[in-house]
Amino acid sequence: MPPNASAFDKSTARAPRVGRPPHDKAELIEPDLLAATWRIFVDQGYSRTTIEAVARHARMSKRTIYQRYNSKDQLIEAAIRDALERWRSHVRASLTDAGQGEDWLEEFVRRCLEILVAPEGCALMGFLLTEDETFHTVRETVATSVGQSVGVFSALLAQRTPGLPPELAEDIALAVLDLMIGFATRLNALQPHFAREQIRARGPRFTAVVRTLVDIQSSSIRPEND
């Protein structure tokens, strides 16, 4: 892990274990394999994430890998699914552990932005933008994961905003997601070396913008009998 790694990197990253696991611990192979695949994918990109490179990094034979995955693409897709699940758990914790105060929204925004500007998030976004439709299953996997997170966020919005219809809560959640992706994309493109500092400095103001969006939409609600 680099010395300047973010809190997100440190809390969600997995490092492959050194050495080959004993026969009675074969179940440990899978997380090590996915961790090695994901690290090479993030650091070197899709083209250099080869079965040979993964085998060297994970310290296991190519035969062991092929017993589990038929191709490099299947292995990369599995590593991406594993990373998405860790990200979703990381973000979900901000939605479910913050109690009833407003801080849950700031924590949610901060964690999402950290993911989007972290090397892992940049690698996946770059892959989705540059690779062709051969990887439509990966796109579907990412879309499903994003949809699940939006669903949790919109449900919490509806729960904590009296009178907010579920449909409007979902629209707000999608708008917030679009704002965060746009903000992170701009930082990654124009200020990649200062993206994390910008999130720390401007995160509260960005959260205030998000909260204003929620408040404006919520105030537009009127009972049907008015």
C-alpha atoms as a PDB file:
ATOM      1  CA  MET A   1       0.000   0.000   0.000  1.00  0.00           C
ATOM      2  CA  PRO A   2       1.521   3.376  -0.995  1.00  0.00           C
ATOM      3  CA  PRO A   3       2.388   5.713   1.926  1.00  0.00           C
ATOM      4  CA  ASN A   4      -0.039   8.357   0.585  1.00  0.00           C
ATOM      5  CA  ALA A   5      -2.966   5.955   0.321  1.00  0.00           C
ATOM      6  CA  SER A   6      -6.353   7.339   1.304  1.00  0.00           C
ATOM      7  CA  ALA A   7      -8.448   6.090   4.187  1.00  0.00           C
ATOM      8  CA  PHE A   8     -10.641   4.393   1.606  1.00  0.00           C
ATOM      9  CA  ASP A   9      -7.663   2.574   0.073  1.00  0.00           C
ATOM     10  CA  LYS A  10      -6.490   1.383   3.460  1.00  0.00           C
ATOM     11  CA  SER A  11      -9.925   0.280   4.655  1.00  0.00           C
ATOM     12  CA  THR A  12     -10.965  -1.665   1.567  1.00  0.00           C
ATOM     13  CA  ALA A  13      -7.789  -2.937  -0.086  1.00  0.00           C
ATOM     14  CA  ARG A  14      -6.821  -6.576   0.043  1.00  0.00           C
ATOM     15  CA  ALA A  15      -3.244  -7.725  -0.271  1.00  0.00           C
ATOM     16  CA  PRO A  16      -2.473 -11.260  -1.485  1.00  0.00           C
ATOM     17  CA  ARG A  17      -0.947 -13.524   1.113  1.00  0.00           C
ATOM     18  CA  VAL A  18       2.655 -14.583   0.637  1.00  0.00           C
ATOM     19  CA  GLY A  19       3.268 -18.202  -0.252  1.00  0.00           C
ATOM     20  CA  ARG A  20       1.042 -21.027  -1.387  1.00  0.00           C
ATOM     21  CA  PRO A  21      -1.734 -21.988   1.062  1.00  0.00           C
ATOM     22  CA  PRO A  22      -1.710 -25.565   2.386  1.00  0.00           C
ATOM     23  CA  HIS A  23      -4.054 -28.100   0.834  1.00  0.00           C
ATOM     24  CA  ASP A  24      -6.493 -27.936   3.721  1.00  0.00           C
ATOM     25  CA  LYS A  25      -6.870 -24.172   3.206  1.00  0.00           C
ATOM     26  CA  ALA A  26      -7.643 -24.179  -0.505  1.00  0.00           C
ATOM     27  CA  GLU A  27     -10.554 -21.813   0.108  1.00  0.00           C
ATOM     28  CA  LEU A  28      -7.995 -19.075   0.773  1.00  0.00           C
ATOM     29  CA  ILE A  29      -6.864 -19.230  -2.851  1.00  0.00           C
ATOM     30  CA  GLU A  30      -9.872 -17.336  -4.200  1.00  0.00           C
ATOM     31  CA  PRO A  31      -9.488 -14.083  -2.215  1.00  0.00           C
ATOM     32  CA  ASP A  32      -5.730 -14.091  -2.867  1.00  0.00           C
ATOM     33  CA  LEU A  33      -6.320 -14.629  -6.566  1.00  0.00           C
ATOM     34  CA  LEU A  34      -8.891 -11.850  -6.849  1.00  0.00           C
ATOM     35  CA  ALA A  35      -6.714  -9.470  -4.802  1.00  0.00           C
ATOM     36  CA  ALA A  36      -3.730 -10.074  -7.075  1.00  0.00           C
ATOM     37  CA  THR A  37      -5.836  -9.644 -10.210  1.00  0.00           C
ATOM     38  CA  TRP A  38      -7.391  -6.425  -8.973  1.00  0.00           C
ATOM     39  CA  ARG A  39      -4.060  -4.914  -7.927  1.00  0.00           C
ATOM     40  CA  ILE A  40      -2.479  -5.543 -11.343  1.00  0.00           C
ATOM     41  CA  PHE A  41      -5.597  -4.246 -13.092  1.00  0.00           C
ATOM     42  CA  VAL A  42      -5.512  -1.012 -11.071  1.00  0.00           C
ATOM     43  CA  ASP A  43      -1.757  -0.475 -11.331  1.00  0.00           C
ATOM     44  CA  GLN A  44      -1.118  -1.583 -14.926  1.00  0.00           C
ATOM     45  CA  GLY A  45      -4.443  -1.729 -16.749  1.00  0.00           C
ATOM     46  CA  TYR A  46      -6.423  -4.393 -18.549  1.00  0.00           C
ATOM     47  CA  SER A  47      -3.882  -5.301 -21.241  1.00  0.00           C
ATOM     48  CA  ARG A  48      -1.157  -6.131 -18.727  1.00  0.00           C
ATOM     49  CA  THR A  49      -3.419  -8.095 -16.413  1.00  0.00           C
ATOM     50  CA  THR A  50      -2.424 -11.461 -17.820  1.00  0.00           C
ATOM     51  CA  ILE A  51      -2.805 -14.909 -16.318  1.00  0.00           C
ATOM     52  CA  GLU A  52       0.991 -15.133 -16.151  1.00  0.00           C
ATOM     53  CA  ALA A  53       1.280 -11.832 -14.255  1.00  0.00           C
ATOM     54  CA  VAL A  54      -1.473 -12.798 -11.833  1.00  0.00           C
ATOM     55  CA  ALA A  55       0.134 -16.186 -11.208  1.00  0.00           C
ATOM     56  CA  ARG A  56       3.461 -14.531 -10.366  1.00  0.00           C
ATOM     57  CA  HIS A  57       1.864 -11.917  -8.152  1.00  0.00           C
ATOM     58  CA  ALA A  58      -0.332 -14.406  -6.293  1.00  0.00           C
ATOM     59  CA  ARG A  59       2.425 -17.032  -6.167  1.00  0.00           C
ATOM     60  CA  MET A  60       0.300 -19.791  -7.590  1.00  0.00           C
ATOM     61  CA  SER A  61       0.394 -21.842 -10.777  1.00  0.00           C
ATOM     62  CA  LYS A  62      -1.469 -20.953 -13.954  1.00  0.00           C
ATOM     63  CA  ARG A  63      -3.100 -24.369 -13.722  1.00  0.00           C
ATOM     64  CA  THR A  64      -4.628 -23.378 -10.361  1.00  0.00           C
ATOM     65  CA  ILE A  65      -6.076 -20.262 -11.950  1.00  0.00           C
ATOM     66  CA  TYR A  66      -7.459 -22.061 -14.990  1.00  0.00           C
ATOM     67  CA  GLN A  67      -9.159 -24.564 -12.702  1.00  0.00           C
ATOM     68  CA  ARG A  68     -11.321 -21.655 -11.533  1.00  0.00           C
ATOM     69  CA  TYR A  69     -11.540 -19.360 -14.541  1.00  0.00           C
ATOM     70  CA  ASN A  70     -11.543 -20.204 -18.229  1.00  0.00           C
ATOM     71  CA  SER A  71     -10.069 -16.919 -19.361  1.00  0.00           C
ATOM     72  CA  LYS A  72      -8.438 -13.683 -18.310  1.00  0.00           C
ATOM     73  CA  ASP A  73     -11.685 -11.814 -18.939  1.00  0.00           C
ATOM     74  CA  GLN A  74     -13.628 -14.052 -16.543  1.00  0.00           C
ATOM     75  CA  LEU A  75     -10.962 -13.533 -13.898  1.00  0.00           C
ATOM     76  CA  ILE A  76     -10.965  -9.734 -14.291  1.00  0.00           C
ATOM     77  CA  GLU A  77     -14.759  -9.641 -14.173  1.00  0.00           C
ATOM     78  CA  ALA A  78     -14.711 -11.630 -10.918  1.00  0.00           C
ATOM     79  CA  ALA A  79     -12.133  -9.237  -9.444  1.00  0.00           C
ATOM     80  CA  ILE A  80     -14.284  -6.258 -10.428  1.00  0.00           C
ATOM     81  CA  ARG A  81     -17.374  -7.840  -8.821  1.00  0.00           C
ATOM     82  CA  ASP A  82     -15.366  -8.415  -5.652  1.00  0.00           C
ATOM     83  CA  ALA A  83     -14.190  -4.790  -5.596  1.00  0.00           C
ATOM     84  CA  LEU A  84     -17.720  -3.496  -6.210  1.00  0.00           C
ATOM     85  CA  GLU A  85     -19.022  -5.491  -3.270  1.00  0.00           C
ATOM     86  CA  ARG A  86     -16.352  -4.004  -0.999  1.00  0.00           C
ATOM     87  CA  TRP A  87     -17.172  -0.507  -2.232  1.00  0.00           C
ATOM     88  CA  ARG A  88     -20.891  -1.050  -1.744  1.00  0.00           C
ATOM     89  CA  SER A  89     -20.321  -2.257   1.809  1.00  0.00           C
ATOM     90  CA  HIS A  90     -18.062   0.732   2.478  1.00  0.00           C
ATOM     91  CA  VAL A  91     -20.721   3.192   1.272  1.00  0.00           C
ATOM     92  CA  ARG A  92     -23.639   1.322   2.851  1.00  0.00           C
ATOM     93  CA  ALA A  93     -21.975   1.672   6.249  1.00  0.00           C
ATOM     94  CA  SER A  94     -22.199   5.453   5.938  1.00  0.00           C
ATOM     95  CA  LEU A  95     -25.937   5.172   5.298  1.00  0.00           C
ATOM     96  CA  THR A  96     -26.791   2.726   8.048  1.00  0.00           C
ATOM     97  CA  ASP A  97     -24.368   3.596  10.871  1.00  0.00           C
ATOM     98  CA  ALA A  98     -24.732   7.368  11.090  1.00  0.00           C
ATOM     99  CA  GLY A  99     -27.886   7.511  13.163  1.00  0.00           C
ATOM    100  CA  GLN A 100     -30.624  10.043  12.618  1.00  0.00           C
ATOM    101  CA  GLY A 101     -28.529  13.212  12.285  1.00  0.00           C
ATOM    102  CA  GLU A 102     -27.557  15.002   9.110  1.00  0.00           C
ATOM    103  CA  ASP A 103     -23.965  13.778   9.257  1.00  0.00           C
ATOM    104  CA  TRP A 104     -24.936  10.612   7.391  1.00  0.00           C
ATOM    105  CA  LEU A 105     -25.264  12.631   4.175  1.00  0.00           C
ATOM    106  CA  GLU A 106     -21.824  14.218   4.507  1.00  0.00           C
ATOM    107  CA  GLU A 107     -20.288  10.839   5.279  1.00  0.00           C
ATOM    108  CA  PHE A 108     -22.056   9.257   2.308  1.00  0.00           C
ATOM    109  CA  VAL A 109     -20.808  11.970  -0.067  1.00  0.00           C
ATOM    110  CA  ARG A 110     -17.268  11.777   1.304  1.00  0.00           C
ATOM    111  CA  ARG A 111     -17.040   8.012   0.909  1.00  0.00           C
ATOM    112  CA  CYS A 112     -18.471   8.048  -2.607  1.00  0.00           C
ATOM    113  CA  LEU A 113     -16.080  10.790  -3.731  1.00  0.00           C
ATOM    114  CA  GLU A 114     -13.125   8.987  -2.176  1.00  0.00           C
ATOM    115  CA  ILE A 115     -13.964   5.894  -4.203  1.00  0.00           C
ATOM    116  CA  LEU A 116     -14.363   7.866  -7.428  1.00  0.00           C
ATOM    117  CA  VAL A 117     -10.975   9.620  -7.150  1.00  0.00           C
ATOM    118  CA  ALA A 118      -9.034   6.690  -5.666  1.00  0.00           C
ATOM    119  CA  PRO A 119      -6.761   4.771  -8.083  1.00  0.00           C
ATOM    120  CA  GLU A 120      -9.201   1.864  -7.966  1.00  0.00           C
ATOM    121  CA  GLY A 121     -12.158   4.012  -8.958  1.00  0.00           C
ATOM    122  CA  CYS A 122     -10.174   5.808 -11.669  1.00  0.00           C
ATOM    123  CA  ALA A 123      -9.015   2.490 -13.117  1.00  0.00           C
ATOM    124  CA  LEU A 124     -12.530   1.112 -13.358  1.00  0.00           C
ATOM    125  CA  MET A 125     -14.007   4.316 -14.802  1.00  0.00           C
ATOM    126  CA  GLY A 126     -11.231   4.497 -17.373  1.00  0.00           C
ATOM    127  CA  PHE A 127     -11.792   0.869 -18.332  1.00  0.00           C
ATOM    128  CA  LEU A 128     -15.526   1.399 -18.824  1.00  0.00           C
ATOM    129  CA  LEU A 129     -14.926   4.515 -20.938  1.00  0.00           C
ATOM    130  CA  THR A 130     -12.242   3.079 -23.227  1.00  0.00           C
ATOM    131  CA  GLU A 131     -13.003  -0.609 -23.715  1.00  0.00           C
ATOM    132  CA  ASP A 132     -15.479  -1.789 -26.333  1.00  0.00           C
ATOM    133  CA  GLU A 133     -18.767  -3.631 -25.914  1.00  0.00           C
ATOM    134  CA  THR A 134     -16.953  -6.958 -25.502  1.00  0.00           C
ATOM    135  CA  PHE A 135     -17.222  -6.338 -21.781  1.00  0.00           C
ATOM    136  CA  HIS A 136     -20.966  -5.754 -21.625  1.00  0.00           C
ATOM    137  CA  THR A 137     -21.240  -8.173 -18.677  1.00  0.00           C
ATOM    138  CA  VAL A 138     -18.865  -5.962 -16.689  1.00  0.00           C
ATOM    139  CA  ARG A 139     -20.973  -2.917 -17.525  1.00  0.00           C
ATOM    140  CA  GLU A 140     -24.084  -4.772 -16.403  1.00  0.00           C
ATOM    141  CA  THR A 141     -22.369  -5.762 -13.159  1.00  0.00           C
ATOM    142  CA  VAL A 142     -21.355  -2.156 -12.473  1.00  0.00           C
ATOM    143  CA  ALA A 143     -24.829  -0.878 -13.382  1.00  0.00           C
ATOM    144  CA  THR A 144     -26.433  -3.372 -11.014  1.00  0.00           C
ATOM    145  CA  SER A 145     -24.105  -2.388  -8.182  1.00  0.00           C
ATOM    146  CA  VAL A 146     -24.763   1.318  -8.736  1.00  0.00           C
ATOM    147  CA  GLY A 147     -28.496   0.661  -8.869  1.00  0.00           C
ATOM    148  CA  GLN A 148     -28.398  -1.147  -5.541  1.00  0.00           C
ATOM    149  CA  SER A 149     -26.524   1.735  -3.902  1.00  0.00           C
ATOM    150  CA  VAL A 150     -28.962   4.266  -5.367  1.00  0.00           C
ATOM    151  CA  GLY A 151     -31.811   2.161  -4.030  1.00  0.00           C
ATOM    152  CA  VAL A 152     -30.406   2.184  -0.488  1.00  0.00           C
ATOM    153  CA  PHE A 153     -29.715   5.928  -0.656  1.00  0.00           C
ATOM    154  CA  SER A 154     -33.156   6.797  -2.026  1.00  0.00           C
ATOM    155  CA  ALA A 155     -34.889   4.602   0.559  1.00  0.00           C
ATOM    156  CA  LEU A 156     -33.034   6.404   3.339  1.00  0.00           C
ATOM    157  CA  LEU A 157     -33.906   9.779   1.836  1.00  0.00           C
ATOM    158  CA  ALA A 158     -37.577   8.843   1.772  1.00  0.00           C
ATOM    159  CA  GLN A 159     -37.375   7.548   5.330  1.00  0.00           C
ATOM    160  CA  ARG A 160     -35.733  10.707   6.712  1.00  0.00           C
ATOM    161  CA  THR A 161     -37.736  13.220   4.678  1.00  0.00           C
ATOM    162  CA  PRO A 162     -41.396  13.105   5.720  1.00  0.00           C
ATOM    163  CA  GLY A 163     -43.761  13.125   2.757  1.00  0.00           C
ATOM    164  CA  LEU A 164     -41.068  12.501   0.141  1.00  0.00           C
ATOM    165  CA  PRO A 165     -42.451  10.005  -2.412  1.00  0.00           C
ATOM    166  CA  PRO A 166     -40.181   7.043  -3.264  1.00  0.00           C
ATOM    167  CA  GLU A 167     -40.132   8.031  -6.938  1.00  0.00           C
ATOM    168  CA  LEU A 168     -38.856  11.527  -6.149  1.00  0.00           C
ATOM    169  CA  ALA A 169     -36.359  10.145  -3.661  1.00  0.00           C
ATOM    170  CA  GLU A 170     -34.945   7.945  -6.420  1.00  0.00           C
ATOM    171  CA  ASP A 171     -34.718  10.911  -8.796  1.00  0.00           C
ATOM    172  CA  ILE A 172     -32.838  12.899  -6.146  1.00  0.00           C
ATOM    173  CA  ALA A 173     -30.488   9.982  -5.487  1.00  0.00           C
ATOM    174  CA  LEU A 174     -29.681   9.704  -9.201  1.00  0.00           C
ATOM    175  CA  ALA A 175     -29.119  13.476  -9.454  1.00  0.00           C
ATOM    176  CA  VAL A 176     -26.731  13.348  -6.483  1.00  0.00           C
ATOM    177  CA  LEU A 177     -24.860  10.474  -8.116  1.00  0.00           C
ATOM    178  CA  ASP A 178     -24.532  12.455 -11.358  1.00  0.00           C
ATOM    179  CA  LEU A 179     -23.195  15.460  -9.424  1.00  0.00           C
ATOM    180  CA  MET A 180     -20.599  13.348  -7.638  1.00  0.00           C
ATOM    181  CA  ILE A 181     -19.433  11.618 -10.822  1.00  0.00           C
ATOM    182  CA  GLY A 182     -19.124  14.974 -12.581  1.00  0.00           C
ATOM    183  CA  PHE A 183     -17.184  16.513  -9.682  1.00  0.00           C
ATOM    184  CA  ALA A 184     -14.849  13.512  -9.417  1.00  0.00           C
ATOM    185  CA  THR A 185     -14.320  13.350 -13.183  1.00  0.00           C
ATOM    186  CA  ARG A 186     -13.296  17.000 -13.270  1.00  0.00           C
ATOM    187  CA  LEU A 187     -10.860  16.487 -10.400  1.00  0.00           C
ATOM    188  CA  ASN A 188      -9.378  13.374 -12.007  1.00  0.00           C
ATOM    189  CA  ALA A 189      -8.958  15.162 -15.341  1.00  0.00           C
ATOM    190  CA  LEU A 190      -7.683  18.553 -14.184  1.00  0.00           C
ATOM    191  CA  GLN A 191      -6.243  18.068 -10.699  1.00  0.00           C
ATOM    192  CA  PRO A 192      -5.488  14.352 -10.272  1.00  0.00           C
ATOM    193  CA  HIS A 193      -2.649  14.896  -7.791  1.00  0.00           C
ATOM    194  CA  PHE A 194      -4.785  17.129  -5.593  1.00  0.00           C
ATOM    195  CA  ALA A 195      -8.121  15.302  -5.871  1.00  0.00           C
ATOM    196  CA  ARG A 196      -8.096  13.972  -2.322  1.00  0.00           C
ATOM    197  CA  GLU A 197      -7.085  17.337  -0.898  1.00  0.00           C
ATOM    198  CA  GLN A 198      -9.899  18.957  -2.855  1.00  0.00           C
ATOM    199  CA  ILE A 199     -12.401  16.479  -1.438  1.00  0.00           C
ATOM    200  CA  ARG A 200     -11.241  17.245   2.096  1.00  0.00           C
ATOM    201  CA  ALA A 201     -11.331  20.991   1.475  1.00  0.00           C
ATOM    202  CA  ARG A 202     -14.510  21.215  -0.572  1.00  0.00           C
ATOM    203  CA  GLY A 203     -16.351  18.128   0.633  1.00  0.00           C
ATOM    204  CA  PRO A 204     -18.483  19.987   3.198  1.00  0.00           C
ATOM    205  CA  ARG A 205     -19.461  22.634   0.626  1.00  0.00           C
ATOM    206  CA  PHE A 206     -20.288  19.962  -1.911  1.00  0.00           C
ATOM    207  CA  THR A 207     -22.418  18.231   0.708  1.00  0.00           C
ATOM    208  CA  ALA A 208     -24.200  21.550   1.332  1.00  0.00           C
ATOM    209  CA  VAL A 209     -25.058  21.704  -2.375  1.00  0.00           C
ATOM    210  CA  VAL A 210     -26.424  18.165  -2.225  1.00  0.00           C
ATOM    211  CA  ARG A 211     -28.435  19.000   0.875  1.00  0.00           C
ATOM    212  CA  THR A 212     -29.841  22.101  -0.846  1.00  0.00           C
ATOM    213  CA  LEU A 213     -30.970  19.919  -3.734  1.00  0.00           C
ATOM    214  CA  VAL A 214     -32.716  17.589  -1.319  1.00  0.00           C
ATOM    215  CA  ASP A 215     -34.328  20.505   0.546  1.00  0.00           C
ATOM    216  CA  ILE A 216     -35.546  22.207  -2.627  1.00  0.00           C
ATOM    217  CA  GLN A 217     -37.099  19.041  -3.968  1.00  0.00           C
ATOM    218  CA  SER A 218     -38.626  18.216  -0.598  1.00  0.00           C
ATOM    219  CA  SER A 219     -40.134  21.705  -0.193  1.00  0.00           C
ATOM    220  CA  SER A 220     -41.848  21.368  -3.555  1.00  0.00           C
ATOM    221  CA  ILE A 221     -44.018  18.571  -2.192  1.00  0.00           C
ATOM    222  CA  ARG A 222     -47.557  19.569  -1.414  1.00  0.00           C
ATOM    223  CA  PRO A 223     -50.342  17.372  -0.056  1.00  0.00           C
ATOM    224  CA  GLU A 224     -52.871  16.435  -2.705  1.00  0.00           C
ATOM    225  CA  ASN A 225     -55.686  18.120  -0.756  1.00  0.00           C
ATOM    226  CA  ASP A 226     -53.955  21.541  -0.718  1.00  0.00           C
END
